[in-house]
PDB file of N, CA and C in Angstrom:
ATOM      1  N   UNK A   1       6.442 -16.363  -2.451  1.00  0.00           N
ATOM      2  CA  UNK A   1       5.785 -15.207  -2.308  1.00  0.00           C
ATOM      3  C   UNK A   1       4.056 -15.827  -2.799  1.00  0.00           C
ATOM      4  N   UNK A   2       4.376 -16.768  -3.509  1.00  0.00           N
ATOM      5  CA  UNK A   2       2.690 -16.715  -3.318  1.00  0.00           C
ATOM      6  C   UNK A   2       2.157 -17.287  -2.639  1.00  0.00           C
ATOM      7  N   UNK A   3       2.533 -18.046  -1.847  1.00  0.00           N
ATOM      8  CA  UNK A   3       2.145 -18.309   0.230  1.00  0.00           C
ATOM      9  C   UNK A   3       1.726 -16.875   0.396  1.00  0.00           C
ATOM     10  N   UNK A   4       2.336 -16.178   0.361  1.00  0.00           N
ATOM     11  CA  UNK A   4       2.141 -14.395   1.241  1.00  0.00           C
ATOM     12  C   UNK A   4       1.094 -14.126   0.697  1.00  0.00           C
ATOM     13  N   UNK A   5       1.009 -14.278  -0.604  1.00  0.00           N
ATOM     14  CA  UNK A   5      -0.200 -13.136  -1.384  1.00  0.00           C
ATOM     15  C   UNK A   5      -1.489 -14.157  -1.520  1.00  0.00           C
ATOM     16  N   UNK A   6      -1.748 -15.272  -2.335  1.00  0.00           N
ATOM     17  CA  UNK A   6      -2.709 -15.969  -2.051  1.00  0.00           C
ATOM     18  C   UNK A   6      -2.898 -16.650  -0.697  1.00  0.00           C
ATOM     19  N   UNK A   7      -2.440 -16.775   0.041  1.00  0.00           N
ATOM     20  CA  UNK A   7      -2.989 -17.763   1.289  1.00  0.00           C
ATOM     21  C   UNK A   7      -3.293 -16.764   2.591  1.00  0.00           C
ATOM     22  N   UNK A   8      -2.128 -15.599   2.573  1.00  0.00           N
ATOM     23  CA  UNK A   8      -2.379 -15.453   3.695  1.00  0.00           C
ATOM     24  C   UNK A   8      -2.556 -13.677   3.379  1.00  0.00           C
ATOM     25  N   UNK A   9      -3.324 -12.897   2.120  1.00  0.00           N
ATOM     26  CA  UNK A   9      -3.790 -11.742   1.810  1.00  0.00           C
ATOM     27  C   UNK A   9      -2.872 -10.539   2.238  1.00  0.00           C
ATOM     28  N   UNK A  10      -1.350 -11.221   1.939  1.00  0.00           N
ATOM     29  CA  UNK A  10      -0.494  -9.849   2.371  1.00  0.00           C
ATOM     30  C   UNK A  10      -0.887  -8.199   2.149  1.00  0.00           C
ATOM     31  N   UNK A  11      -1.081  -8.416   0.553  1.00  0.00           N
ATOM     32  CA  UNK A  11      -0.874  -6.842   0.359  1.00  0.00           C
ATOM     33  C   UNK A  11      -1.571  -6.176   1.085  1.00  0.00           C
ATOM     34  N   UNK A  12      -3.149  -6.614   1.447  1.00  0.00           N
ATOM     35  CA  UNK A  12      -3.867  -5.495   2.346  1.00  0.00           C
ATOM     36  C   UNK A  12      -3.197  -5.137   3.362  1.00  0.00           C
ATOM     37  N   UNK A  13      -2.390  -6.197   4.446  1.00  0.00           N
ATOM     38  CA  UNK A  13      -2.079  -6.048   5.429  1.00  0.00           C
ATOM     39  C   UNK A  13      -1.046  -4.827   5.362  1.00  0.00           C
ATOM     40  N   UNK A  14      -0.227  -5.469   4.759  1.00  0.00           N
ATOM     41  CA  UNK A  14       1.514  -4.512   4.187  1.00  0.00           C
ATOM     42  C   UNK A  14       0.345  -2.451   3.999  1.00  0.00           C
ATOM     43  N   UNK A  15      -0.363  -2.805   3.190  1.00  0.00           N
ATOM     44  CA  UNK A  15      -0.723  -1.157   2.449  1.00  0.00           C
ATOM     45  C   UNK A  15      -2.095  -0.532   4.165  1.00  0.00           C
ATOM     46  N   UNK A  16      -2.728  -1.377   4.601  1.00  0.00           N
ATOM     47  CA  UNK A  16      -3.289  -0.321   5.877  1.00  0.00           C
ATOM     48  C   UNK A  16      -2.463   0.471   6.200  1.00  0.00           C
ATOM     49  N   UNK A  17      -1.589   0.069   7.173  1.00  0.00           N
ATOM     50  CA  UNK A  17      -1.166   1.114   7.965  1.00  0.00           C
ATOM     51  C   UNK A  17      -0.618   2.223   7.180  1.00  0.00           C
ATOM     52  N   UNK A  18      -0.070   2.263   5.884  1.00  0.00           N
ATOM     53  CA  UNK A  18       0.330   3.416   5.219  1.00  0.00           C
ATOM     54  C   UNK A  18      -1.006   3.884   3.970  1.00  0.00           C
ATOM     55  N   UNK A  19      -1.837   3.408   4.199  1.00  0.00           N
ATOM     56  CA  UNK A  19      -3.393   4.037   3.745  1.00  0.00           C
ATOM     57  C   UNK A  19      -3.840   5.273   4.313  1.00  0.00           C
ATOM     58  N   UNK A  20      -4.003   4.721   6.096  1.00  0.00           N
ATOM     59  CA  UNK A  20      -4.412   5.345   6.457  1.00  0.00           C
ATOM     60  C   UNK A  20      -4.264   6.852   6.199  1.00  0.00           C
ATOM     61  N   UNK A  21      -5.299   7.518   6.325  1.00  0.00           N
ATOM     62  CA  UNK A  21      -5.281   9.012   6.473  1.00  0.00           C
ATOM     63  C   UNK A  21      -5.206   9.611   4.665  1.00  0.00           C
ATOM     64  N   UNK A  22      -5.132   8.663   3.638  1.00  0.00           N
ATOM     65  CA  UNK A  22      -4.503   9.275   2.231  1.00  0.00           C
ATOM     66  C   UNK A  22      -6.357   9.299   1.351  1.00  0.00           C
ATOM     67  N   UNK A  23      -6.283   9.715   0.874  1.00  0.00           N
ATOM     68  CA  UNK A  23      -6.790   9.882   0.117  1.00  0.00           C
ATOM     69  C   UNK A  23      -7.929  11.556  -0.122  1.00  0.00           C
ATOM     70  N   UNK A  24      -9.113  11.766  -0.654  1.00  0.00           N
ATOM     71  CA  UNK A  24      -9.669  10.675  -1.534  1.00  0.00           C
ATOM     72  C   UNK A  24      -8.976  10.164  -2.577  1.00  0.00           C
ATOM     73  N   UNK A  25      -9.518   9.197  -3.030  1.00  0.00           N
ATOM     74  CA  UNK A  25      -8.739   8.633  -4.058  1.00  0.00           C
ATOM     75  C   UNK A  25      -9.341   9.262  -5.103  1.00  0.00           C
ATOM     76  N   UNK A  26      -8.669   8.709  -6.707  1.00  0.00           N
ATOM     77  CA  UNK A  26     -10.254   9.439  -7.877  1.00  0.00           C
ATOM     78  C   UNK A  26     -11.306   7.808  -8.396  1.00  0.00           C
ATOM     79  N   UNK A  27     -12.182   7.992  -9.042  1.00  0.00           N
ATOM     80  CA  UNK A  27     -12.615   6.877  -8.995  1.00  0.00           C
ATOM     81  C   UNK A  27     -11.992   6.301 -10.156  1.00  0.00           C
ATOM     82  N   UNK A  28     -11.298   6.918 -11.033  1.00  0.00           N
ATOM     83  CA  UNK A  28     -10.366   6.174 -12.010  1.00  0.00           C
ATOM     84  C   UNK A  28      -9.206   5.402 -11.182  1.00  0.00           C
ATOM     85  N   UNK A  29      -8.948   5.808  -9.625  1.00  0.00           N
ATOM     86  CA  UNK A  29      -8.078   4.371  -9.176  1.00  0.00           C
ATOM     87  C   UNK A  29      -9.259   3.797  -8.259  1.00  0.00           C
ATOM     88  N   UNK A  30      -9.889   3.958  -7.866  1.00  0.00           N
ATOM     89  CA  UNK A  30     -10.477   2.921  -7.455  1.00  0.00           C
ATOM     90  C   UNK A  30     -11.044   1.715  -7.898  1.00  0.00           C
ATOM     91  N   UNK A  31     -11.853   2.568  -9.086  1.00  0.00           N
ATOM     92  CA  UNK A  31     -12.405   1.560  -9.693  1.00  0.00           C
ATOM     93  C   UNK A  31     -11.319   0.258 -10.405  1.00  0.00           C
ATOM     94  N   UNK A  32     -10.602   0.031 -10.086  1.00  0.00           N
ATOM     95  CA  UNK A  32      -9.215  -0.959 -10.359  1.00  0.00           C
ATOM     96  C   UNK A  32      -8.930  -1.175  -9.461  1.00  0.00           C
ATOM     97  N   UNK A  33      -8.868  -0.920  -8.231  1.00  0.00           N
ATOM     98  CA  UNK A  33      -8.943  -1.766  -6.500  1.00  0.00           C
ATOM     99  C   UNK A  33      -9.715  -3.201  -6.553  1.00  0.00           C
ATOM    100  N   UNK A  34      -8.282  -3.743  -5.819  1.00  0.00           N
ATOM    101  CA  UNK A  34      -9.034  -5.018  -5.511  1.00  0.00           C
ATOM    102  C   UNK A  34      -9.924  -4.431  -4.157  1.00  0.00           C
ATOM    103  N   UNK A  35     -11.474  -6.103  -3.682  1.00  0.00           N
ATOM    104  CA  UNK A  35     -11.824  -5.847  -3.247  1.00  0.00           C
ATOM    105  C   UNK A  35     -11.435  -5.161  -1.721  1.00  0.00           C
ATOM    106  N   UNK A  36     -10.440  -5.980  -1.529  1.00  0.00           N
ATOM    107  CA  UNK A  36      -9.743  -5.775  -0.267  1.00  0.00           C
ATOM    108  C   UNK A  36      -9.053  -4.814   0.492  1.00  0.00           C
ATOM    109  N   UNK A  37      -8.389  -4.250  -1.115  1.00  0.00           N
ATOM    110  CA  UNK A  37      -8.075  -2.381  -0.951  1.00  0.00           C
ATOM    111  C   UNK A  37      -8.775  -1.881  -0.639  1.00  0.00           C
ATOM    112  N   UNK A  38      -9.623  -1.560  -1.850  1.00  0.00           N
ATOM    113  CA  UNK A  38     -11.069  -1.010  -1.088  1.00  0.00           C
ATOM    114  C   UNK A  38     -11.526  -0.662  -0.244  1.00  0.00           C
ATOM    115  N   UNK A  39     -12.199  -1.500   0.292  1.00  0.00           N
ATOM    116  CA  UNK A  39     -11.864  -2.314   1.903  1.00  0.00           C
ATOM    117  C   UNK A  39     -11.280  -0.802   2.784  1.00  0.00           C
ATOM    118  N   UNK A  40     -10.043  -1.115   2.792  1.00  0.00           N
ATOM    119  CA  UNK A  40      -9.208  -0.343   3.729  1.00  0.00           C
ATOM    120  C   UNK A  40      -9.246   1.098   3.190  1.00  0.00           C
ATOM    121  N   UNK A  41      -9.287   1.777   1.883  1.00  0.00           N
ATOM    122  CA  UNK A  41      -9.412   2.629   1.474  1.00  0.00           C
ATOM    123  C   UNK A  41     -10.650   3.584   1.750  1.00  0.00           C
ATOM    124  N   UNK A  42     -11.776   2.809   1.800  1.00  0.00           N
ATOM    125  CA  UNK A  42     -12.963   3.592   2.214  1.00  0.00           C
ATOM    126  C   UNK A  42     -12.485   3.640   4.078  1.00  0.00           C
ATOM    127  N   UNK A  43     -11.907   2.649   4.657  1.00  0.00           N
ATOM    128  CA  UNK A  43     -11.640   2.931   6.470  1.00  0.00           C
ATOM    129  C   UNK A  43     -10.913   3.983   6.193  1.00  0.00           C
ATOM    130  N   UNK A  44      -9.742   4.122   5.159  1.00  0.00           N
ATOM    131  CA  UNK A  44      -9.091   4.845   5.988  1.00  0.00           C
ATOM    132  C   UNK A  44      -9.032   6.531   6.028  1.00  0.00           C
ATOM    133  N   UNK A  45      -9.883   7.073   5.800  1.00  0.00           N
ATOM    134  CA  UNK A  45      -9.922   7.973   6.349  1.00  0.00           C
ATOM    135  C   UNK A  45     -10.432   8.801   7.697  1.00  0.00           C
ATOM    136  N   UNK A  46     -10.434   7.925   8.356  1.00  0.00           N
ATOM    137  CA  UNK A  46     -10.904   8.856   9.826  1.00  0.00           C
ATOM    138  C   UNK A  46     -10.105   7.339  10.545  1.00  0.00           C
ATOM    139  N   UNK A  47      -8.863   6.902   9.931  1.00  0.00           N
ATOM    140  CA  UNK A  47      -8.133   6.511  10.539  1.00  0.00           C
ATOM    141  C   UNK A  47      -6.846   6.920  10.559  1.00  0.00           C
ATOM    142  N   UNK A  48      -5.728   7.600  11.857  1.00  0.00           N
ATOM    143  CA  UNK A  48      -4.730   7.751  11.378  1.00  0.00           C
ATOM    144  C   UNK A  48      -3.440   7.026  10.692  1.00  0.00           C
ATOM    145  N   UNK A  49      -2.581   7.250   9.932  1.00  0.00           N
ATOM    146  CA  UNK A  49      -1.621   6.824   9.426  1.00  0.00           C
ATOM    147  C   UNK A  49      -0.490   6.119  10.610  1.00  0.00           C
ATOM    148  N   UNK A  50       0.188   5.215  10.531  1.00  0.00           N
ATOM    149  CA  UNK A  50       1.277   4.285  10.815  1.00  0.00           C
ATOM    150  C   UNK A  50       2.428   5.232  11.568  1.00  0.00           C
ATOM    151  N   UNK A  51       2.296   5.548  12.953  1.00  0.00           N
ATOM    152  CA  UNK A  51       3.124   7.160  13.242  1.00  0.00           C
ATOM    153  C   UNK A  51       4.593   6.441  13.517  1.00  0.00           C
ATOM    154  N   UNK A  52       5.481   5.520  13.073  1.00  0.00           N
ATOM    155  CA  UNK A  52       6.557   5.537  13.267  1.00  0.00           C
ATOM    156  C   UNK A  52       7.091   5.452  11.324  1.00  0.00           C
ATOM    157  N   UNK A  53       7.879   6.367  11.259  1.00  0.00           N
ATOM    158  CA  UNK A  53       8.710   6.610  10.035  1.00  0.00           C
ATOM    159  C   UNK A  53       9.675   5.364   9.661  1.00  0.00           C
ATOM    160  N   UNK A  54      10.478   4.205  10.471  1.00  0.00           N
ATOM    161  CA  UNK A  54      11.039   3.228  10.468  1.00  0.00           C
ATOM    162  C   UNK A  54      10.024   2.094   9.944  1.00  0.00           C
ATOM    163  N   UNK A  55       9.161   1.846  10.642  1.00  0.00           N
ATOM    164  CA  UNK A  55       7.638   0.823  10.823  1.00  0.00           C
ATOM    165  C   UNK A  55       7.559   1.515   8.837  1.00  0.00           C
ATOM    166  N   UNK A  56       6.682   2.461   9.039  1.00  0.00           N
ATOM    167  CA  UNK A  56       6.323   2.805   7.127  1.00  0.00           C
ATOM    168  C   UNK A  56       7.151   2.409   6.289  1.00  0.00           C
ATOM    169  N   UNK A  57       8.802   3.110   6.505  1.00  0.00           N
ATOM    170  CA  UNK A  57       9.660   2.504   5.769  1.00  0.00           C
ATOM    171  C   UNK A  57       9.642   0.895   5.431  1.00  0.00           C
ATOM    172  N   UNK A  58       9.330   0.304   6.594  1.00  0.00           N
ATOM    173  CA  UNK A  58       9.601  -1.182   6.917  1.00  0.00           C
ATOM    174  C   UNK A  58       8.595  -1.927   5.947  1.00  0.00           C
ATOM    175  N   UNK A  59       7.217  -1.079   5.635  1.00  0.00           N
ATOM    176  CA  UNK A  59       5.956  -1.611   5.101  1.00  0.00           C
ATOM    177  C   UNK A  59       6.385  -1.357   3.886  1.00  0.00           C
ATOM    178  N   UNK A  60       7.174  -0.301   3.479  1.00  0.00           N
ATOM    179  CA  UNK A  60       7.002  -0.082   1.752  1.00  0.00           C
ATOM    180  C   UNK A  60       8.581  -1.003   0.928  1.00  0.00           C
ATOM    181  N   UNK A  61       9.081  -1.413   2.111  1.00  0.00           N
ATOM    182  CA  UNK A  61      10.596  -2.134   1.485  1.00  0.00           C
ATOM    183  C   UNK A  61      10.050  -3.682   1.729  1.00  0.00           C
ATOM    184  N   UNK A  62       8.558  -4.397   2.182  1.00  0.00           N
ATOM    185  CA  UNK A  62       8.301  -5.381   1.742  1.00  0.00           C
ATOM    186  C   UNK A  62       7.773  -5.063   0.262  1.00  0.00           C
ATOM    187  N   UNK A  63       6.851  -4.282   0.698  1.00  0.00           N
ATOM    188  CA  UNK A  63       6.047  -3.855  -1.265  1.00  0.00           C
ATOM    189  C   UNK A  63       6.966  -4.521  -2.318  1.00  0.00           C
ATOM    190  N   UNK A  64       8.277  -3.466  -1.959  1.00  0.00           N
ATOM    191  CA  UNK A  64       9.073  -3.740  -3.062  1.00  0.00           C
ATOM    192  C   UNK A  64       9.760  -5.176  -3.092  1.00  0.00           C
ATOM    193  N   UNK A  65       9.806  -5.174  -1.747  1.00  0.00           N
ATOM    194  CA  UNK A  65      10.453  -6.944  -1.717  1.00  0.00           C
ATOM    195  C   UNK A  65       9.792  -7.727  -2.458  1.00  0.00           C
ATOM    196  N   UNK A  66       8.516  -7.805  -2.678  1.00  0.00           N
ATOM    197  CA  UNK A  66       7.323  -8.846  -3.321  1.00  0.00           C
ATOM    198  C   UNK A  66       7.535  -8.068  -4.550  1.00  0.00           C
ATOM    199  N   UNK A  67       7.881  -7.311  -5.180  1.00  0.00           N
ATOM    200  CA  UNK A  67       7.638  -7.096  -6.696  1.00  0.00           C
ATOM    201  C   UNK A  67       9.308  -7.616  -7.512  1.00  0.00           C
ATOM    202  N   UNK A  68      10.050  -8.323  -6.227  1.00  0.00           N
ATOM    203  CA  UNK A  68      10.971  -9.044  -6.602  1.00  0.00           C
ATOM    204  C   UNK A  68      10.486 -10.252  -7.518  1.00  0.00           C
ATOM    205  N   UNK A  69       9.354 -10.401  -7.955  1.00  0.00           N
ATOM    206  CA  UNK A  69       9.004 -11.972  -8.333  1.00  0.00           C
ATOM    207  C   UNK A  69       8.202 -11.228  -9.157  1.00  0.00           C
ATOM    208  N   UNK A  70       7.860 -12.124 -10.521  1.00  0.00           N
ATOM    209  CA  UNK A  70       7.185 -11.948 -11.596  1.00  0.00           C
ATOM    210  C   UNK A  70       5.438 -11.724 -10.800  1.00  0.00           C
ATOM    211  N   UNK A  71       5.731 -12.850  -9.709  1.00  0.00           N
ATOM    212  CA  UNK A  71       3.807 -13.072  -9.285  1.00  0.00           C
ATOM    213  C   UNK A  71       3.832 -11.933  -8.431  1.00  0.00           C
ATOM    214  N   UNK A  72       4.905 -11.407  -7.611  1.00  0.00           N
ATOM    215  CA  UNK A  72       4.277 -10.149  -6.766  1.00  0.00           C
ATOM    216  C   UNK A  72       3.916  -9.570  -7.467  1.00  0.00           C
ATOM    217  N   UNK A  73       5.146  -8.978  -8.396  1.00  0.00           N
ATOM    218  CA  UNK A  73       4.886  -7.445  -9.300  1.00  0.00           C
ATOM    219  C   UNK A  73       3.228  -8.018 -10.192  1.00  0.00           C
ATOM    220  N   UNK A  74       3.201  -8.706 -10.258  1.00  0.00           N
ATOM    221  CA  UNK A  74       1.176  -9.326 -11.508  1.00  0.00           C
ATOM    222  C   UNK A  74       0.270  -8.857  -9.753  1.00  0.00           C
ATOM    223  N   UNK A  75       0.505  -9.741  -8.574  1.00  0.00           N
ATOM    224  CA  UNK A  75      -0.452  -9.247  -7.962  1.00  0.00           C
ATOM    225  C   UNK A  75      -0.401  -7.987  -6.966  1.00  0.00           C
ATOM    226  N   UNK A  76       0.602  -7.183  -7.256  1.00  0.00           N
ATOM    227  CA  UNK A  76       0.836  -5.383  -6.792  1.00  0.00           C
ATOM    228  C   UNK A  76       0.025  -4.731  -7.447  1.00  0.00           C
ATOM    229  N   UNK A  77       0.185  -5.248  -8.836  1.00  0.00           N
ATOM    230  CA  UNK A  77      -0.354  -4.869  -9.778  1.00  0.00           C
ATOM    231  C   UNK A  77      -1.664  -4.752 -10.228  1.00  0.00           C
ATOM    232  N   UNK A  78      -2.454  -6.036  -9.865  1.00  0.00           N
ATOM    233  CA  UNK A  78      -3.715  -6.379  -9.389  1.00  0.00           C
ATOM    234  C   UNK A  78      -4.673  -5.790  -8.918  1.00  0.00           C
ATOM    235  N   UNK A  79      -4.301  -5.425  -7.506  1.00  0.00           N
ATOM    236  CA  UNK A  79      -4.450  -4.852  -6.866  1.00  0.00           C
ATOM    237  C   UNK A  79      -4.459  -3.408  -6.314  1.00  0.00           C
ATOM    238  N   UNK A  80      -3.692  -3.369  -7.484  1.00  0.00           N
ATOM    239  CA  UNK A  80      -3.791  -1.203  -8.005  1.00  0.00           C
ATOM    240  C   UNK A  80      -2.851  -0.745  -6.326  1.00  0.00           C
ATOM    241  N   UNK A  81      -1.889  -1.595  -6.322  1.00  0.00           N
ATOM    242  CA  UNK A  81      -1.519  -0.638  -4.767  1.00  0.00           C
ATOM    243  C   UNK A  81      -1.003   0.873  -5.223  1.00  0.00           C
ATOM    244  N   UNK A  82      -0.651   1.029  -6.300  1.00  0.00           N
ATOM    245  CA  UNK A  82       0.276   2.446  -6.683  1.00  0.00           C
ATOM    246  C   UNK A  82       0.383   3.805  -6.429  1.00  0.00           C
ATOM    247  N   UNK A  83      -1.463   4.064  -6.208  1.00  0.00           N
ATOM    248  CA  UNK A  83      -2.303   5.402  -6.734  1.00  0.00           C
ATOM    249  C   UNK A  83      -1.929   5.146  -4.521  1.00  0.00           C
ATOM    250  N   UNK A  84      -2.211   3.973  -3.748  1.00  0.00           N
ATOM    251  CA  UNK A  84      -1.261   4.312  -2.358  1.00  0.00           C
ATOM    252  C   UNK A  84      -0.427   5.008  -2.169  1.00  0.00           C
ATOM    253  N   UNK A  85       0.725   4.439  -2.652  1.00  0.00           N
ATOM    254  CA  UNK A  85       2.423   4.600  -2.867  1.00  0.00           C
ATOM    255  C   UNK A  85       2.459   5.904  -3.110  1.00  0.00           C
ATOM    256  N   UNK A  86       1.848   6.501  -4.496  1.00  0.00           N
ATOM    257  CA  UNK A  86       1.694   7.404  -5.317  1.00  0.00           C
ATOM    258  C   UNK A  86       1.607   8.648  -3.941  1.00  0.00           C
ATOM    259  N   UNK A  87       0.480   8.648  -3.273  1.00  0.00           N
ATOM    260  CA  UNK A  87      -0.134   9.512  -2.674  1.00  0.00           C
ATOM    261  C   UNK A  87       0.904   9.468  -0.859  1.00  0.00           C
ATOM    262  N   UNK A  88       1.293   8.026  -0.145  1.00  0.00           N
ATOM    263  CA  UNK A  88       1.636   8.368   0.127  1.00  0.00           C
ATOM    264  C   UNK A  88       3.293   8.877   0.011  1.00  0.00           C
ATOM    265  N   UNK A  89       3.448   9.405  -1.181  1.00  0.00           N
ATOM    266  CA  UNK A  89       5.095  10.227  -1.141  1.00  0.00           C
ATOM    267  C   UNK A  89       4.534  11.223  -1.239  1.00  0.00           C
ATOM    268  N   UNK A  90       3.192  11.843  -1.312  1.00  0.00           N
ATOM    269  CA  UNK A  90       3.479  13.218  -1.527  1.00  0.00           C
ATOM    270  C   UNK A  90       3.560  13.709  -0.274  1.00  0.00           C
ATOM    271  N   UNK A  91       2.780  13.215   0.579  1.00  0.00           N
ATOM    272  CA  UNK A  91       2.780  13.541   1.781  1.00  0.00           C
ATOM    273  C   UNK A  91       3.591  13.168   2.957  1.00  0.00           C
ATOM    274  N   UNK A  92       4.321  12.170   2.771  1.00  0.00           N
ATOM    275  CA  UNK A  92       5.223  11.320   3.863  1.00  0.00           C
ATOM    276  C   UNK A  92       6.346  12.534   4.207  1.00  0.00           C
ATOM    277  N   UNK A  93       6.946  13.201   5.653  1.00  0.00           N
ATOM    278  CA  UNK A  93       7.666  13.781   5.645  1.00  0.00           C
ATOM    279  C   UNK A  93       9.055  13.014   5.419  1.00  0.00           C
ATOM    280  N   UNK A  94       9.174  12.370   5.851  1.00  0.00           N
ATOM    281  CA  UNK A  94      10.150  11.248   6.588  1.00  0.00           C
ATOM    282  C   UNK A  94      11.484  10.850   5.126  1.00  0.00           C
ATOM    283  N   UNK A  95      12.623  11.563   5.323  1.00  0.00           N
ATOM    284  CA  UNK A  95      13.538  11.289   4.428  1.00  0.00           C
ATOM    285  C   UNK A  95      13.954   9.830   4.250  1.00  0.00           C
ATOM    286  N   UNK A  96      13.760   9.139   4.659  1.00  0.00           N
ATOM    287  CA  UNK A  96      13.830   7.639   4.585  1.00  0.00           C
ATOM    288  C   UNK A  96      12.382   6.348   3.939  1.00  0.00           C
ATOM    289  N   UNK A  97      11.511   7.328   4.456  1.00  0.00           N
ATOM    290  CA  UNK A  97      10.576   6.910   3.976  1.00  0.00           C
ATOM    291  C   UNK A  97      10.149   7.544   2.337  1.00  0.00           C
ATOM    292  N   UNK A  98      11.010   8.374   2.042  1.00  0.00           N
ATOM    293  CA  UNK A  98      10.739   9.149   0.877  1.00  0.00           C
ATOM    294  C   UNK A  98      11.687   8.150  -0.105  1.00  0.00           C
ATOM    295  N   UNK A  99      12.832   8.071   0.548  1.00  0.00           N
ATOM    296  CA  UNK A  99      13.537   7.384  -0.580  1.00  0.00           C
ATOM    297  C   UNK A  99      13.096   6.024  -1.143  1.00  0.00           C
ATOM    298  N   UNK A 100      12.392   5.750  -0.460  1.00  0.00           N
ATOM    299  CA  UNK A 100      12.012   4.168  -0.289  1.00  0.00           C
ATOM    300  C   UNK A 100      10.891   3.757  -1.010  1.00  0.00           C
ATOM    301  N   UNK A 101      10.383   5.247  -1.342  1.00  0.00           N
ATOM    302  CA  UNK A 101       9.189   5.214  -2.235  1.00  0.00           C
ATOM    303  C   UNK A 101       9.844   5.203  -3.736  1.00  0.00           C
TER     304      UNK A 101
END
């Protein structure tokens, strides 16, 4: 997990297709987000989210797999990914994605 997070910076890559079209996020949420995640969030308002529900589910599953290790959980917490997943859960209509979240 450390290589994926530190060297490949995978968290923003996984979150970007999920965050597109979400928001706006509160200032309390954005002040805690990592710079990479903030860039994605600021660009996401004009983009469309991933249209394939199976791919959205796989992206959510990948984030939860990162949470299997202490380092992954700490990295997700540091990036402040929760608001994206919270808002995705509110708006995504696909049952498989809802169950994954």
